[in-house]
Amino acid sequence: MTLATQIMDWALVIAFVMVAVAQVMAMIRLWIGPSTGDRILALDTMFINAIGLIILLGIYQGTQIYFEAALIIAMLGFVSTVAYARFVLRGDIIE
């Protein structure tokens, strides 16, 4: 095992831990958020963190299927955040 491989492994572990901690912090904000805007922002942040975790898992395992899953989750996250924000502002999603 070369030094570059060891550094890459440690960097992935550190990145996993940091993104997981960010995910937990976003969950806490979603749970105790004082306003609806805070909860929407926390939900969007959770989608971004989930995408980050999936990408890191793909890098760790060396497969490309996770990147496609991350793209699908990104599209789903964007549409759901817009729909939820629109529902909060106007009371309906489709006019």
Protein backbone atom coordinates (compact mmCIF):
# COMPACT_ATOMS: atom_id res chain seq x y z
CA MET A 1 0.00 0.00 0.00
CA THR A 2 1.54 3.28 -1.08
CA LEU A 3 1.50 6.52 0.80
CA ALA A 4 -0.87 8.11 -1.71
CA THR A 5 -3.39 5.30 -1.17
CA GLN A 6 -3.18 5.69 2.59
CA ILE A 7 -3.69 9.43 2.33
CA MET A 8 -6.70 8.90 0.05
CA ASP A 9 -8.22 6.40 2.47
CA TRP A 10 -7.78 8.75 5.42
CA ALA A 11 -9.17 11.67 3.43
CA LEU A 12 -12.27 9.61 2.56
CA VAL A 13 -12.78 8.61 6.20
CA ILE A 14 -12.47 12.20 7.36
CA ALA A 15 -14.84 13.37 4.61
CA PHE A 16 -17.39 10.68 5.58
CA VAL A 17 -17.28 11.78 9.21
CA MET A 18 -17.57 15.48 8.41
CA VAL A 19 -20.50 15.03 6.02
CA ALA A 20 -22.22 12.68 8.49
CA VAL A 21 -21.86 15.28 11.25
CA ALA A 22 -23.27 17.92 8.91
CA GLN A 23 -26.20 15.62 8.16
CA VAL A 24 -26.93 15.18 11.87
CA MET A 25 -26.73 18.93 12.42
CA ALA A 26 -29.16 19.51 9.56
CA MET A 27 -31.53 16.93 11.08
CA ILE A 28 -31.41 18.79 14.37
CA ARG A 29 -32.21 22.06 12.58
CA LEU A 30 -35.07 20.34 10.79
CA TRP A 31 -36.43 19.09 14.09
CA ILE A 32 -36.10 22.26 16.19
CA GLY A 33 -36.11 24.94 13.49
CA PRO A 34 -38.03 27.93 14.81
CA SER A 35 -39.55 28.86 11.47
CA THR A 36 -40.72 27.09 8.35
CA GLY A 37 -37.97 28.71 6.30
CA ASP A 38 -35.34 27.17 8.57
CA ARG A 39 -36.93 23.76 8.11
CA ILE A 40 -37.00 24.12 4.31
CA LEU A 41 -33.34 25.14 4.30
CA ALA A 42 -32.44 22.22 6.57
CA LEU A 43 -34.26 19.80 4.29
CA ASP A 44 -32.40 21.14 1.26
CA THR A 45 -29.12 20.86 3.17
CA MET A 46 -29.95 17.27 4.03
CA PHE A 47 -30.41 16.47 0.35
CA ILE A 48 -27.03 18.01 -0.43
CA ASN A 49 -25.37 16.07 2.39
CA ALA A 50 -26.98 12.84 1.19
CA ILE A 51 -25.62 13.49 -2.28
CA GLY A 52 -22.18 14.06 -0.76
CA LEU A 53 -22.34 10.79 1.16
CA ILE A 54 -23.39 8.87 -1.94
CA ILE A 55 -20.59 10.41 -4.00
CA LEU A 56 -18.05 9.55 -1.29
CA LEU A 57 -19.35 5.99 -1.20
CA GLY A 58 -18.93 5.78 -4.98
CA ILE A 59 -15.36 7.04 -4.73
CA TYR A 60 -14.60 4.60 -1.93
CA GLN A 61 -16.00 1.57 -3.77
CA GLY A 62 -14.75 2.68 -7.17
CA THR A 63 -18.06 2.23 -8.97
CA GLN A 64 -19.95 4.72 -11.11
CA ILE A 65 -23.51 3.62 -10.33
CA TYR A 66 -23.56 5.81 -7.23
CA PHE A 67 -22.97 8.91 -9.32
CA GLU A 68 -26.13 8.23 -11.31
CA ALA A 69 -28.05 7.73 -8.07
CA ALA A 70 -26.68 11.05 -6.80
CA LEU A 71 -27.95 12.81 -9.93
CA ILE A 72 -31.44 11.38 -9.41
CA ILE A 73 -31.45 12.43 -5.77
CA ALA A 74 -30.25 15.90 -6.76
CA MET A 75 -33.16 16.31 -9.17
CA LEU A 76 -35.62 14.98 -6.60
CA GLY A 77 -34.20 17.28 -3.93
CA PHE A 78 -34.45 20.37 -6.10
CA VAL A 79 -38.03 19.68 -7.18
CA SER A 80 -39.20 18.83 -3.67
CA THR A 81 -37.58 21.92 -2.15
CA VAL A 82 -39.18 24.18 -4.75
CA ALA A 83 -42.55 22.50 -4.32
CA TYR A 84 -42.44 22.74 -0.53
CA ALA A 85 -41.38 26.39 -0.59
CA ARG A 86 -44.12 27.20 -3.09
CA PHE A 87 -46.68 25.41 -0.92
CA VAL A 88 -45.60 27.41 2.12
CA LEU A 89 -45.73 30.72 0.26
CA ARG A 90 -48.93 30.27 -1.78
CA GLY A 91 -50.82 27.39 -0.20
CA ASP A 92 -50.84 25.30 -3.36
CA ILE A 93 -48.26 23.68 -5.62
CA ILE A 94 -50.04 23.65 -8.98
CA GLU A 95 -51.95 26.71 -10.08
